[in-house]
C-alpha atoms as a PDB file:
ATOM      1  CA  UNK A   1      37.852  40.506 -37.624  1.00  0.00           C
ATOM      2  CA  UNK A   2      41.105  39.910 -39.440  1.00  0.00           C
ATOM      3  CA  UNK A   3      40.897  36.598 -41.308  1.00  0.00           C
ATOM      4  CA  UNK A   4      43.257  35.391 -44.011  1.00  0.00           C
ATOM      5  CA  UNK A   5      41.898  35.626 -47.565  1.00  0.00           C
ATOM      6  CA  UNK A   6      42.088  31.829 -47.862  1.00  0.00           C
ATOM      7  CA  UNK A   7      39.922  31.466 -44.745  1.00  0.00           C
ATOM      8  CA  UNK A   8      37.353  33.934 -46.073  1.00  0.00           C
ATOM      9  CA  UNK A   9      37.255  32.017 -49.339  1.00  0.00           C
ATOM     10  CA  UNK A  10      36.840  28.691 -47.483  1.00  0.00           C
ATOM     11  CA  UNK A  11      34.021  30.159 -45.395  1.00  0.00           C
ATOM     12  CA  UNK A  12      32.112  31.301 -48.476  1.00  0.00           C
ATOM     13  CA  UNK A  13      32.657  27.920 -50.123  1.00  0.00           C
ATOM     14  CA  UNK A  14      31.641  25.863 -47.066  1.00  0.00           C
ATOM     15  CA  UNK A  15      28.336  27.698 -46.724  1.00  0.00           C
ATOM     16  CA  UNK A  16      27.312  26.486 -50.187  1.00  0.00           C
ATOM     17  CA  UNK A  17      27.473  22.853 -49.020  1.00  0.00           C
ATOM     18  CA  UNK A  18      24.473  23.191 -46.713  1.00  0.00           C
ATOM     19  CA  UNK A  19      20.818  23.531 -47.736  1.00  0.00           C
ATOM     20  CA  UNK A  20      20.288  25.598 -44.575  1.00  0.00           C
ATOM     21  CA  UNK A  21      23.020  28.180 -43.906  1.00  0.00           C
ATOM     22  CA  UNK A  22      22.644  27.648 -40.157  1.00  0.00           C
ATOM     23  CA  UNK A  23      24.096  24.150 -40.566  1.00  0.00           C
ATOM     24  CA  UNK A  24      27.454  25.714 -41.477  1.00  0.00           C
ATOM     25  CA  UNK A  25      27.909  27.149 -37.968  1.00  0.00           C
ATOM     26  CA  UNK A  26      30.233  24.397 -36.739  1.00  0.00           C
ATOM     27  CA  UNK A  27      32.492  24.343 -39.825  1.00  0.00           C
ATOM     28  CA  UNK A  28      32.777  28.156 -39.788  1.00  0.00           C
ATOM     29  CA  UNK A  29      33.784  28.126 -36.129  1.00  0.00           C
ATOM     30  CA  UNK A  30      36.455  25.519 -36.896  1.00  0.00           C
ATOM     31  CA  UNK A  31      37.807  27.582 -39.800  1.00  0.00           C
ATOM     32  CA  UNK A  32      38.004  30.736 -37.700  1.00  0.00           C
ATOM     33  CA  UNK A  33      39.676  28.985 -34.777  1.00  0.00           C
ATOM     34  CA  UNK A  34      42.148  27.345 -37.145  1.00  0.00           C
ATOM     35  CA  UNK A  35      43.025  30.767 -38.594  1.00  0.00           C
ATOM     36  CA  UNK A  36      43.066  32.900 -35.428  1.00  0.00           C
ATOM     37  CA  UNK A  37      43.679  30.276 -32.735  1.00  0.00           C
ATOM     38  CA  UNK A  38      40.481  30.963 -30.810  1.00  0.00           C
ATOM     39  CA  UNK A  39      36.946  32.322 -31.297  1.00  0.00           C
ATOM     40  CA  UNK A  40      37.087  36.057 -30.567  1.00  0.00           C
ATOM     41  CA  UNK A  41      33.942  37.812 -29.331  1.00  0.00           C
ATOM     42  CA  UNK A  42      33.478  39.668 -32.625  1.00  0.00           C
ATOM     43  CA  UNK A  43      33.331  36.352 -34.516  1.00  0.00           C
ATOM     44  CA  UNK A  44      29.946  35.488 -33.050  1.00  0.00           C
ATOM     45  CA  UNK A  45      27.921  38.333 -34.622  1.00  0.00           C
ATOM     46  CA  UNK A  46      30.061  38.122 -37.774  1.00  0.00           C
ATOM     47  CA  UNK A  47      29.190  34.430 -38.283  1.00  0.00           C
ATOM     48  CA  UNK A  48      25.558  35.135 -37.418  1.00  0.00           C
ATOM     49  CA  UNK A  49      25.455  37.775 -40.142  1.00  0.00           C
ATOM     50  CA  UNK A  50      27.059  35.432 -42.689  1.00  0.00           C
ATOM     51  CA  UNK A  51      24.557  32.697 -41.891  1.00  0.00           C
ATOM     52  CA  UNK A  52      21.545  35.001 -41.478  1.00  0.00           C
ATOM     53  CA  UNK A  53      20.835  33.774 -37.943  1.00  0.00           C
ATOM     54  CA  UNK A  54      20.800  35.380 -34.513  1.00  0.00           C
ATOM     55  CA  UNK A  55      24.113  35.724 -32.606  1.00  0.00           C
ATOM     56  CA  UNK A  56      22.667  33.620 -29.760  1.00  0.00           C
ATOM     57  CA  UNK A  57      22.477  30.694 -32.213  1.00  0.00           C
ATOM     58  CA  UNK A  58      26.244  30.907 -32.752  1.00  0.00           C
ATOM     59  CA  UNK A  59      26.983  31.563 -29.090  1.00  0.00           C
ATOM     60  CA  UNK A  60      25.099  28.436 -28.007  1.00  0.00           C
ATOM     61  CA  UNK A  61      27.321  26.306 -30.267  1.00  0.00           C
ATOM     62  CA  UNK A  62      30.536  27.983 -29.075  1.00  0.00           C
ATOM     63  CA  UNK A  63      29.574  27.597 -25.425  1.00  0.00           C
ATOM     64  CA  UNK A  64      28.414  23.979 -25.785  1.00  0.00           C
ATOM     65  CA  UNK A  65      31.462  22.435 -27.457  1.00  0.00           C
ATOM     66  CA  UNK A  66      34.622  22.377 -25.322  1.00  0.00           C
ATOM     67  CA  UNK A  67      36.948  22.297 -28.340  1.00  0.00           C
ATOM     68  CA  UNK A  68      36.202  25.943 -29.042  1.00  0.00           C
ATOM     69  CA  UNK A  69      38.467  28.338 -27.205  1.00  0.00           C
ATOM     70  CA  UNK A  70      37.208  31.813 -26.359  1.00  0.00           C
ATOM     71  CA  UNK A  71      40.637  33.134 -25.368  1.00  0.00           C
ATOM     72  CA  UNK A  72      44.046  32.914 -27.046  1.00  0.00           C
ATOM     73  CA  UNK A  73      46.253  30.045 -25.945  1.00  0.00           C
ATOM     74  CA  UNK A  74      49.987  29.460 -25.936  1.00  0.00           C
ATOM     75  CA  UNK A  75      51.884  28.407 -29.037  1.00  0.00           C
ATOM     76  CA  UNK A  76      51.788  24.796 -27.772  1.00  0.00           C
ATOM     77  CA  UNK A  77      48.684  23.229 -26.211  1.00  0.00           C
ATOM     78  CA  UNK A  78      49.178  20.543 -23.567  1.00  0.00           C
ATOM     79  CA  UNK A  79      45.974  18.625 -22.852  1.00  0.00           C
ATOM     80  CA  UNK A  80      46.009  16.231 -19.904  1.00  0.00           C
ATOM     81  CA  UNK A  81      43.247  13.639 -19.639  1.00  0.00           C
ATOM     82  CA  UNK A  82      41.383  13.773 -16.347  1.00  0.00           C
ATOM     83  CA  UNK A  83      38.820  11.019 -16.742  1.00  0.00           C
ATOM     84  CA  UNK A  84      38.750   8.056 -14.387  1.00  0.00           C
ATOM     85  CA  UNK A  85      41.563   5.846 -15.705  1.00  0.00           C
ATOM     86  CA  UNK A  86      43.958   8.749 -16.121  1.00  0.00           C
ATOM     87  CA  UNK A  87      42.975  10.287 -12.780  1.00  0.00           C
ATOM     88  CA  UNK A  88      43.567   6.995 -10.978  1.00  0.00           C
ATOM     89  CA  UNK A  89      46.939   6.536 -12.701  1.00  0.00           C
ATOM     90  CA  UNK A  90      48.226  10.011 -11.806  1.00  0.00           C
ATOM     91  CA  UNK A  91      46.752  12.432 -14.345  1.00  0.00           C
ATOM     92  CA  UNK A  92      46.357  15.175 -11.744  1.00  0.00           C
ATOM     93  CA  UNK A  93      50.019  14.818 -10.712  1.00  0.00           C
ATOM     94  CA  UNK A  94      50.994  14.864 -14.382  1.00  0.00           C
ATOM     95  CA  UNK A  95      49.092  18.093 -14.900  1.00  0.00           C
ATOM     96  CA  UNK A  96      50.665  19.677 -11.806  1.00  0.00           C
ATOM     97  CA  UNK A  97      54.118  18.676 -13.032  1.00  0.00           C
ATOM     98  CA  UNK A  98      53.527  20.406 -16.389  1.00  0.00           C
ATOM     99  CA  UNK A  99      52.257  23.495 -14.553  1.00  0.00           C
ATOM    100  CA  UNK A 100      55.457  23.559 -12.500  1.00  0.00           C
ATOM    101  CA  UNK A 101      57.680  23.020 -15.565  1.00  0.00           C
ATOM    102  CA  UNK A 102      56.141  25.983 -17.384  1.00  0.00           C
ATOM    103  CA  UNK A 103      55.378  28.203 -14.387  1.00  0.00           C
ATOM    104  CA  UNK A 104      51.694  28.451 -15.214  1.00  0.00           C
ATOM    105  CA  UNK A 105      48.268  27.170 -14.207  1.00  0.00           C
ATOM    106  CA  UNK A 106      45.610  25.301 -16.146  1.00  0.00           C
ATOM    107  CA  UNK A 107      43.811  27.456 -18.650  1.00  0.00           C
ATOM    108  CA  UNK A 108      46.436  30.192 -18.616  1.00  0.00           C
ATOM    109  CA  UNK A 109      49.166  31.039 -21.087  1.00  0.00           C
ATOM    110  CA  UNK A 110      52.680  30.527 -19.677  1.00  0.00           C
ATOM    111  CA  UNK A 111      54.624  33.752 -18.999  1.00  0.00           C
ATOM    112  CA  UNK A 112      56.725  33.212 -22.140  1.00  0.00           C
ATOM    113  CA  UNK A 113      53.604  32.627 -24.280  1.00  0.00           C
ATOM    114  CA  UNK A 114      54.780  29.144 -25.202  1.00  0.00           C
ATOM    115  CA  UNK A 115      52.198  26.816 -23.624  1.00  0.00           C
ATOM    116  CA  UNK A 116      48.699  26.491 -22.299  1.00  0.00           C
ATOM    117  CA  UNK A 117      47.875  23.476 -20.139  1.00  0.00           C
ATOM    118  CA  UNK A 118      44.314  22.193 -19.896  1.00  0.00           C
ATOM    119  CA  UNK A 119      42.462  19.236 -18.523  1.00  0.00           C
ATOM    120  CA  UNK A 120      40.377  17.428 -21.135  1.00  0.00           C
ATOM    121  CA  UNK A 121      37.948  14.581 -21.082  1.00  0.00           C
ATOM    122  CA  UNK A 122      38.850  11.134 -22.389  1.00  0.00           C
ATOM    123  CA  UNK A 123      41.625  10.904 -24.976  1.00  0.00           C
ATOM    124  CA  UNK A 124      40.612   7.286 -25.679  1.00  0.00           C
ATOM    125  CA  UNK A 125      43.736   5.513 -24.465  1.00  0.00           C
ATOM    126  CA  UNK A 126      42.656   4.390 -21.002  1.00  0.00           C
ATOM    127  CA  UNK A 127      44.958   1.360 -20.981  1.00  0.00           C
ATOM    128  CA  UNK A 128      48.024   3.602 -21.214  1.00  0.00           C
ATOM    129  CA  UNK A 129      47.023   6.203 -18.624  1.00  0.00           C
ATOM    130  CA  UNK A 130      47.842   8.914 -17.840  1.00  0.00           C
ATOM    131  CA  UNK A 131      47.587  10.271 -21.344  1.00  0.00           C
ATOM    132  CA  UNK A 132      48.591  13.699 -22.669  1.00  0.00           C
ATOM    133  CA  UNK A 133      47.935  15.310 -26.030  1.00  0.00           C
ATOM    134  CA  UNK A 134      50.502  17.948 -26.993  1.00  0.00           C
ATOM    135  CA  UNK A 135      49.126  19.764 -29.997  1.00  0.00           C
ATOM    136  CA  UNK A 136      48.206  16.727 -32.129  1.00  0.00           C
ATOM    137  CA  UNK A 137      50.666  14.211 -30.643  1.00  0.00           C
ATOM    138  CA  UNK A 138      49.442  11.630 -28.132  1.00  0.00           C
ATOM    139  CA  UNK A 139      51.789  10.647 -25.286  1.00  0.00           C
ATOM    140  CA  UNK A 140      51.015   7.648 -23.115  1.00  0.00           C
ATOM    141  CA  UNK A 141      51.997   6.641 -19.573  1.00  0.00           C
ATOM    142  CA  UNK A 142      53.100  10.187 -18.810  1.00  0.00           C
ATOM    143  CA  UNK A 143      54.691  10.096 -15.373  1.00  0.00           C
ATOM    144  CA  UNK A 144      56.956  12.723 -13.764  1.00  0.00           C
ATOM    145  CA  UNK A 145      59.991  11.527 -15.731  1.00  0.00           C
ATOM    146  CA  UNK A 146      58.146  11.726 -19.023  1.00  0.00           C
ATOM    147  CA  UNK A 147      56.760  15.178 -18.117  1.00  0.00           C
ATOM    148  CA  UNK A 148      60.345  16.345 -17.662  1.00  0.00           C
ATOM    149  CA  UNK A 149      61.410  14.855 -21.017  1.00  0.00           C
ATOM    150  CA  UNK A 150      58.452  16.327 -22.902  1.00  0.00           C
ATOM    151  CA  UNK A 151      58.908  19.719 -21.251  1.00  0.00           C
ATOM    152  CA  UNK A 152      62.610  19.768 -22.100  1.00  0.00           C
ATOM    153  CA  UNK A 153      61.756  18.932 -25.718  1.00  0.00           C
ATOM    154  CA  UNK A 154      59.273  21.809 -25.919  1.00  0.00           C
ATOM    155  CA  UNK A 155      61.815  24.197 -24.393  1.00  0.00           C
ATOM    156  CA  UNK A 156      64.533  22.961 -26.779  1.00  0.00           C
ATOM    157  CA  UNK A 157      62.254  23.457 -29.803  1.00  0.00           C
ATOM    158  CA  UNK A 158      61.441  26.970 -28.609  1.00  0.00           C
ATOM    159  CA  UNK A 159      65.151  27.823 -28.219  1.00  0.00           C
ATOM    160  CA  UNK A 160      65.891  26.478 -31.712  1.00  0.00           C
ATOM    161  CA  UNK A 161      62.976  28.451 -33.167  1.00  0.00           C
ATOM    162  CA  UNK A 162      64.223  31.652 -31.541  1.00  0.00           C
ATOM    163  CA  UNK A 163      67.724  31.113 -32.960  1.00  0.00           C
ATOM    164  CA  UNK A 164      66.362  30.947 -36.501  1.00  0.00           C
END
């Protein structure tokens, strides 16, 4: 596994904060995902070795928490809320509109590698449904017009990045 030296240092330091090494499983998974972008298969036995536990103990954490990704995602992550308020206010249409804009399907990386679109559970803004989280930015009342605007912004930022 190819982790940055700073990540390896953080991992060693984090482990010292817990009286039982096993308790560091969640923070280590976060550090690895932050560095690599997902939790690769080889990370599970590697973490288990670091924490002196069985790989199944790491796997059960990775498979339980939906914030851990097992596969790489696009450069930008579009998360569309699908819980009741957002679903009733058009969340499924919002998601379909993003899929059309980026020529991809939920859970897949767009052909240009730029985005991954996923459904997520409650983003805690039910009164402004449908709600979308793009990377760390919350967008409220995301209808078809706003999908178009947000998509154009992402495409513009990509074009500017490629020019640099």
